[in-house]
Protein backbone atom coordinates (compact mmCIF):
# COMPACT_ATOMS: atom_id res chain seq x y z
CA UNK A 1 -50.89 -64.46 61.87
CA UNK A 2 -48.89 -61.43 62.97
CA UNK A 3 -46.03 -62.19 60.63
CA UNK A 4 -47.87 -61.33 57.38
CA UNK A 5 -49.12 -58.05 58.90
CA UNK A 6 -45.67 -57.13 60.06
CA UNK A 7 -44.21 -58.01 56.68
CA UNK A 8 -46.83 -55.90 54.95
CA UNK A 9 -46.09 -53.02 57.35
CA UNK A 10 -42.39 -53.18 56.56
CA UNK A 11 -42.66 -53.64 52.80
CA UNK A 12 -45.36 -51.05 51.92
CA UNK A 13 -45.45 -47.57 53.56
CA UNK A 14 -48.77 -46.27 54.76
CA UNK A 15 -50.69 -43.49 52.86
CA UNK A 16 -49.65 -40.66 55.25
CA UNK A 17 -46.03 -41.62 54.82
CA UNK A 18 -46.37 -41.47 50.96
CA UNK A 19 -47.95 -38.01 51.16
CA UNK A 20 -45.22 -36.79 53.45
CA UNK A 21 -42.57 -38.12 51.08
CA UNK A 22 -44.17 -36.33 48.10
CA UNK A 23 -44.30 -33.05 50.05
CA UNK A 24 -40.64 -33.48 50.92
CA UNK A 25 -39.85 -33.69 47.18
CA UNK A 26 -42.08 -30.77 46.01
CA UNK A 27 -41.15 -28.31 48.77
CA UNK A 28 -37.44 -28.03 47.90
CA UNK A 29 -38.37 -27.28 44.23
CA UNK A 30 -40.51 -24.34 45.32
CA UNK A 31 -37.78 -23.08 47.58
CA UNK A 32 -35.25 -23.42 44.83
CA UNK A 33 -37.46 -21.47 42.43
CA UNK A 34 -37.98 -18.70 44.96
CA UNK A 35 -34.28 -18.59 45.71
CA UNK A 36 -33.49 -18.37 41.97
CA UNK A 37 -35.95 -15.49 41.58
CA UNK A 38 -34.44 -13.75 44.58
CA UNK A 39 -30.95 -14.13 43.15
CA UNK A 40 -32.13 -12.75 39.80
CA UNK A 41 -33.62 -9.74 41.57
CA UNK A 42 -30.39 -9.15 43.45
CA UNK A 43 -28.42 -9.38 40.19
CA UNK A 44 -30.74 -6.92 38.46
CA UNK A 45 -30.33 -4.44 41.30
CA UNK A 46 -26.56 -4.84 41.17
CA UNK A 47 -26.47 -4.25 37.42
CA UNK A 48 -28.75 -1.24 37.78
CA UNK A 49 -26.47 0.29 40.42
CA UNK A 50 -23.40 -0.39 38.29
CA UNK A 51 -25.08 1.19 35.26
CA UNK A 52 -26.00 4.24 37.33
CA UNK A 53 -22.42 4.58 38.53
CA UNK A 54 -21.11 4.31 34.96
CA UNK A 55 -23.65 6.87 33.79
CA UNK A 56 -22.63 9.30 36.51
CA UNK A 57 -18.96 8.81 35.69
CA UNK A 58 -19.64 9.40 31.99
CA UNK A 59 -21.62 12.52 32.82
CA UNK A 60 -18.79 13.89 35.00
CA UNK A 61 -16.24 13.17 32.27
CA UNK A 62 -18.42 14.88 29.66
CA UNK A 63 -18.97 18.00 31.80
CA UNK A 64 -15.25 18.38 32.42
CA UNK A 65 -14.34 17.82 28.75
CA UNK A 66 -17.14 20.12 27.55
CA UNK A 67 -16.00 22.91 29.90
CA UNK A 68 -12.40 22.64 28.65
CA UNK A 69 -13.42 22.75 24.99
CA UNK A 70 -15.84 25.62 25.57
CA UNK A 71 -13.11 27.69 27.24
CA UNK A 72 -10.74 26.86 24.37
CA UNK A 73 -13.29 28.07 21.80
CA UNK A 74 -13.89 31.26 23.79
CA UNK A 75 -10.15 31.93 23.91
CA UNK A 76 -9.78 31.40 20.16
CA UNK A 77 -12.69 33.74 19.46
CA UNK A 78 -11.15 36.42 21.68
CA UNK A 79 -7.83 36.01 19.87
CA UNK A 80 -9.46 36.27 16.44
CA UNK A 81 -8.48 32.73 15.36
CA UNK A 82 -11.88 32.16 13.80
CA UNK A 83 -11.14 29.18 11.56
CA UNK A 84 -9.59 27.23 14.42
CA UNK A 85 -12.47 28.30 16.67
CA UNK A 86 -14.96 27.05 14.08
CA UNK A 87 -13.22 23.66 13.97
CA UNK A 88 -13.13 23.35 17.76
CA UNK A 89 -16.77 24.44 17.95
CA UNK A 90 -17.78 21.71 15.53
CA UNK A 91 -15.87 19.18 17.65
CA UNK A 92 -17.66 20.53 20.72
CA UNK A 93 -21.02 19.98 19.00
CA UNK A 94 -20.03 16.41 18.15
CA UNK A 95 -18.99 15.78 21.76
CA UNK A 96 -22.42 16.93 22.90
CA UNK A 97 -24.41 14.96 20.33
CA UNK A 98 -22.38 11.82 21.03
CA UNK A 99 -23.12 12.06 24.76
CA UNK A 100 -26.88 12.70 24.82
CA UNK A 101 -27.69 9.04 25.52
CA UNK A 102 -26.34 9.23 29.08
CA UNK A 103 -26.92 12.91 29.91
CA UNK A 104 -29.86 14.27 31.86
CA UNK A 105 -32.27 16.46 29.82
CA UNK A 106 -31.20 19.62 31.65
CA UNK A 107 -27.53 18.84 30.88
CA UNK A 108 -28.38 18.43 27.19
CA UNK A 109 -30.24 21.72 27.22
CA UNK A 110 -27.39 23.58 28.91
CA UNK A 111 -24.93 22.14 26.41
CA UNK A 112 -27.12 23.09 23.45
CA UNK A 113 -27.52 26.63 24.76
CA UNK A 114 -23.76 26.97 25.24
CA UNK A 115 -23.07 25.76 21.69
CA UNK A 116 -25.73 28.10 20.27
CA UNK A 117 -24.22 31.05 22.15
CA UNK A 118 -20.75 30.25 20.84
CA UNK A 119 -22.11 29.95 17.29
CA UNK A 120 -23.64 33.40 17.68
CA UNK A 121 -20.34 34.76 19.02
CA UNK A 122 -18.49 33.24 16.07
CA UNK A 123 -20.87 34.83 13.57
CA UNK A 124 -20.55 38.19 15.33
CA UNK A 125 -16.74 38.01 15.33
CA UNK A 126 -16.72 37.15 11.63
CA UNK A 127 -18.79 40.24 10.91
CA UNK A 128 -16.51 42.32 13.11
CA UNK A 129 -13.35 41.23 11.34
CA UNK A 130 -14.71 41.43 7.79
CA UNK A 131 -13.88 44.88 6.40
CA UNK A 132 -16.88 44.97 4.06
CA UNK A 133 -18.13 48.36 5.16
CA UNK A 134 -14.76 49.99 4.51
CA UNK A 135 -14.65 48.57 1.00
CA UNK A 136 -18.15 49.88 0.23
CA UNK A 137 -17.24 53.32 1.58
CA UNK A 138 -14.15 53.54 -0.60
CA UNK A 139 -16.09 52.50 -3.68
CA UNK A 140 -18.61 55.23 -3.02
CA UNK A 141 -15.87 57.83 -2.65
CA UNK A 142 -14.39 56.85 -6.01
CA UNK A 143 -17.65 56.65 -7.94
CA UNK A 144 -19.56 59.55 -6.46
CA UNK A 145 -19.51 62.97 -8.01
CA UNK A 146 -18.35 65.72 -5.62
CA UNK A 147 -21.79 67.26 -5.32
CA UNK A 148 -23.82 64.05 -5.06
CA UNK A 149 -21.80 61.94 -2.65
CA UNK A 150 -24.29 62.26 0.24
CA UNK A 151 -27.20 61.25 -2.01
CA UNK A 152 -25.46 58.19 -3.47
CA UNK A 153 -24.60 56.82 -0.02
CA UNK A 154 -28.27 55.98 0.69
CA UNK A 155 -29.13 53.57 -2.17
CA UNK A 156 -25.74 51.83 -1.97
CA UNK A 157 -26.71 49.16 0.68
CA UNK A 158 -29.15 47.25 -1.61
CA UNK A 159 -26.35 46.72 -4.15
CA UNK A 160 -24.81 43.66 -2.35
CA UNK A 161 -28.11 41.77 -2.73
CA UNK A 162 -26.66 39.63 -5.50
CA UNK A 163 -28.63 36.42 -4.77
CA UNK A 164 -31.85 38.20 -5.74
CA UNK A 165 -34.72 40.18 -4.24
CA UNK A 166 -35.54 39.51 -0.64
CA UNK A 167 -32.00 39.05 0.63
CA UNK A 168 -32.20 38.55 4.39
CA UNK A 169 -30.30 40.90 6.61
CA UNK A 170 -28.84 40.41 10.05
CA UNK A 171 -29.12 42.71 12.99
CA UNK A 172 -29.78 46.40 12.26
CA UNK A 173 -26.59 47.97 11.02
CA UNK A 174 -24.93 44.57 10.47
CA UNK A 175 -23.69 42.96 7.31
CA UNK A 176 -26.20 41.19 5.03
CA UNK A 177 -26.66 37.50 5.69
CA UNK A 178 -27.16 34.83 3.08
CA UNK A 179 -30.84 34.03 2.56
CA UNK A 180 -34.23 35.51 1.74
CA UNK A 181 -36.72 37.74 3.52
CA UNK A 182 -40.19 39.11 2.89
CA UNK A 183 -40.93 37.19 -0.32
CA UNK A 184 -44.39 35.81 -1.16
CA UNK A 185 -45.43 32.91 -3.44
CA UNK A 186 -41.93 32.71 -4.91
CA UNK A 187 -39.52 29.98 -5.99
CA UNK A 188 -36.23 30.75 -4.21
CA UNK A 189 -32.95 28.90 -4.60
CA UNK A 190 -29.29 29.12 -3.57
CA UNK A 191 -26.47 26.84 -4.72
CA UNK A 192 -23.26 25.37 -3.26
CA UNK A 193 -21.03 28.36 -4.02
CA UNK A 194 -23.42 30.77 -2.28
CA UNK A 195 -24.09 28.51 0.73
CA UNK A 196 -20.73 26.97 1.56
CA UNK A 197 -20.20 27.39 5.34
CA UNK A 198 -22.39 30.52 5.36
CA UNK A 199 -24.91 31.48 8.05
CA UNK A 200 -28.31 31.44 6.31
CA UNK A 201 -31.49 33.26 7.37
CA UNK A 202 -34.97 32.77 5.94
CA UNK A 203 -37.44 35.25 7.44
CA UNK A 204 -41.02 36.42 6.93
CA UNK A 205 -41.65 34.31 3.84
CA UNK A 206 -45.23 33.52 2.75
CA UNK A 207 -46.14 30.56 0.54
CA UNK A 208 -42.62 30.20 -0.85
CA UNK A 209 -40.68 27.14 -1.97
CA UNK A 210 -37.00 27.40 -1.01
CA UNK A 211 -34.25 25.08 -2.24
CA UNK A 212 -30.86 25.35 -0.56
CA UNK A 213 -28.54 22.98 -2.42
CA UNK A 214 -25.24 23.08 -0.56
CA UNK A 215 -23.58 23.06 2.87
CA UNK A 216 -24.45 26.04 5.10
CA UNK A 217 -22.84 26.51 8.50
CA UNK A 218 -26.09 27.43 10.30
CA UNK A 219 -29.71 27.96 9.25
CA UNK A 220 -32.41 30.08 10.88
CA UNK A 221 -36.01 29.95 9.68
CA UNK A 222 -37.99 32.74 11.32
CA UNK A 223 -41.66 33.82 11.07
CA UNK A 224 -42.47 31.89 7.88
CA UNK A 225 -45.97 30.77 6.86
CA UNK A 226 -47.05 28.02 4.48
CA UNK A 227 -43.56 27.50 3.03
CA UNK A 228 -41.57 24.48 1.85
CA UNK A 229 -37.88 24.57 2.76
CA UNK A 230 -35.52 21.97 1.29
CA UNK A 231 -32.00 22.27 2.68
CA UNK A 232 -28.78 20.36 2.21
CA UNK A 233 -26.60 19.29 5.16
CA UNK A 234 -25.98 22.05 7.74
CA UNK A 235 -22.66 21.73 9.58
CA UNK A 236 -23.96 22.83 12.98
CA UNK A 237 -27.44 23.93 14.07
CA UNK A 238 -30.85 24.80 12.67
CA UNK A 239 -33.27 27.09 14.52
CA UNK A 240 -36.93 27.25 13.49
CA UNK A 241 -38.77 30.03 15.31
CA UNK A 242 -42.30 31.38 15.04
CA UNK A 243 -43.29 29.38 11.94
CA UNK A 244 -46.61 27.77 10.99
CA UNK A 245 -47.92 25.33 8.38
CA UNK A 246 -44.49 24.76 6.85
CA UNK A 247 -42.77 21.69 5.44
CA UNK A 248 -39.06 21.55 6.25
CA UNK A 249 -36.44 19.06 5.10
CA UNK A 250 -33.28 19.48 7.17
CA UNK A 251 -30.00 17.68 7.92
CA UNK A 252 -27.96 19.06 10.83
CA UNK A 253 -26.13 18.40 14.08
CA UNK A 254 -28.76 20.10 16.22
CA UNK A 255 -32.39 21.13 15.62
CA UNK A 256 -34.19 23.59 17.90
CA UNK A 257 -37.79 24.62 17.28
CA UNK A 258 -39.53 27.45 19.16
CA UNK A 259 -43.07 28.89 18.97
CA UNK A 260 -43.97 26.78 15.97
CA UNK A 261 -47.20 24.98 15.07
CA UNK A 262 -48.58 22.76 12.33
CA UNK A 263 -45.20 22.07 10.72
CA UNK A 264 -43.82 18.84 9.31
CA UNK A 265 -40.10 18.07 9.64
CA UNK A 266 -38.12 15.57 7.56
CA UNK A 267 -34.84 15.44 9.43
CA UNK A 268 -31.39 13.91 9.58
CA UNK A 269 -30.23 15.04 13.03
CA UNK A 270 -27.28 13.84 15.08
CA UNK A 271 -28.57 14.91 18.49
CA UNK A 272 -32.11 14.81 19.85
CA UNK A 273 -34.33 17.51 18.39
CA UNK A 274 -35.67 20.07 20.87
CA UNK A 275 -39.08 21.75 20.75
CA UNK A 276 -40.35 24.53 23.04
CA UNK A 277 -43.64 26.39 22.85
CA UNK A 278 -44.68 24.20 19.89
CA UNK A 279 -47.83 22.30 18.94
CA UNK A 280 -48.92 19.93 16.15
CA UNK A 281 -45.42 19.36 14.82
CA UNK A 282 -44.50 16.00 13.30
CA UNK A 283 -41.31 14.25 12.22
CA UNK A 284 -40.05 11.78 9.61
CA UNK A 285 -36.62 10.77 8.23
CA UNK A 286 -34.74 12.98 5.77
CA UNK A 287 -35.37 11.91 2.16
CA UNK A 288 -34.32 14.83 -0.05
CA UNK A 289 -31.50 14.31 -2.54
CA UNK A 290 -29.84 16.31 -5.33
CA UNK A 291 -26.68 16.00 -7.46
CA UNK A 292 -23.66 16.65 -5.22
CA UNK A 293 -25.37 16.00 -1.88
CA UNK A 294 -22.84 13.32 -0.91
CA UNK A 295 -20.00 15.84 -1.29
CA UNK A 296 -21.97 18.32 0.83
CA UNK A 297 -22.43 15.70 3.56
CA UNK A 298 -18.68 15.07 3.58
CA UNK A 299 -17.86 18.76 3.93
CA UNK A 300 -20.50 19.20 6.66
CA UNK A 301 -18.98 16.50 8.88
CA UNK A 302 -22.39 14.90 9.49
CA UNK A 303 -22.54 11.13 9.98
CA UNK A 304 -25.19 9.75 7.63
CA UNK A 305 -25.46 6.61 9.77
CA UNK A 306 -26.47 8.62 12.85
CA UNK A 307 -30.06 9.89 12.68
CA UNK A 308 -32.23 10.54 15.73
CA UNK A 309 -35.19 11.82 13.73
CA UNK A 310 -37.69 10.12 16.04
CA UNK A 311 -36.15 11.31 19.35
CA UNK A 312 -37.60 14.67 20.40
CA UNK A 313 -37.30 16.51 23.72
CA UNK A 314 -40.26 18.75 24.56
CA UNK A 315 -39.21 21.28 27.18
CA UNK A 316 -42.87 22.06 27.90
CA UNK A 317 -43.75 18.46 28.75
CA UNK A 318 -42.28 17.22 32.02
CA UNK A 319 -44.25 13.99 32.41
CA UNK A 320 -42.10 10.91 31.85
CA UNK A 321 -44.83 8.29 31.87
CA UNK A 322 -46.86 9.81 29.00
CA UNK A 323 -45.73 11.00 25.56
CA UNK A 324 -45.92 14.70 24.73
CA UNK A 325 -49.11 15.70 22.88
CA UNK A 326 -47.23 18.47 21.06
CA UNK A 327 -45.38 16.29 18.54
CA UNK A 328 -45.84 13.02 16.66
CA UNK A 329 -44.26 10.82 13.99
CA UNK A 330 -45.55 11.08 10.42
CA UNK A 331 -47.10 7.70 9.46
CA UNK A 332 -44.98 5.90 6.90
CA UNK A 333 -47.77 5.81 4.31
CA UNK A 334 -48.11 9.62 4.54
CA UNK A 335 -44.42 10.49 4.13
CA UNK A 336 -43.19 12.34 1.08
CA UNK A 337 -40.37 10.55 -0.73
CA UNK A 338 -40.21 12.44 -4.04
CA UNK A 339 -39.63 16.19 -3.77
CA UNK A 340 -38.89 17.49 -7.28
């Protein structure tokens, strides 16, 4: 009678043995899954470290290259080689805008401030080397009667205001800049011949509509209220300072906005836009067009395929886990697409 029991014991494993066998199969699968997850975590950490190393190396390379180019531009400005300095300065701006993706915010800001300072130095040197005042003085000497020369010297400065009333001026005692100042509820316009590689200033305008069809070198919009500004491609930078309730359409390498509120920007910008001391400003892509704009883009050196219109650095907002409340994107259904 024992033989059948023994045969059954040999041929069919007991229930505990079956359970143990199942556990032996399942347990290695869990271990394998955990090991795979661990390996993935290790790989992610390795890639992160490698990316950080590459980023640091890129940053060091940029800082060294930027310093060399900055010194070269400074040397050219000191030597009076302004056209070559302008070309190197534009290349310096492109180096900065092409590197923002791996630079720290403070490095971007320092680079932008350095470029802005050099642009100011270039404009100042151009005014220094342009003998406009001497020409005006000689004209006055020829035209003035002997007894009235001192009287005629006073009204002479408004004469260069060829673009129309409200021509903006630079620093006190400096040469007139291209642009408009102090106008109210006016239609103002400048064309390609007047704008080409000029430094343009719009200041203290109220309720005006300004069309700048051409390729300026720089643009400053200062203390304007309730204005619409439509501008063609700017070779270097645009500064908007102390404005409110304006609509601005701008294409440029660099956009800086200070002390501005309630303004809407339609931009084509190569680097990240910067705002400081601003509130209720919003952004959308650049849509404006006019006959000849493609030629102006070519002369400006701007890349039409590179537009960071939706990337904005707010220097007053340090939190990284929450978006800045000072700026927003204009909803697509609210964007203006037809300007004329």
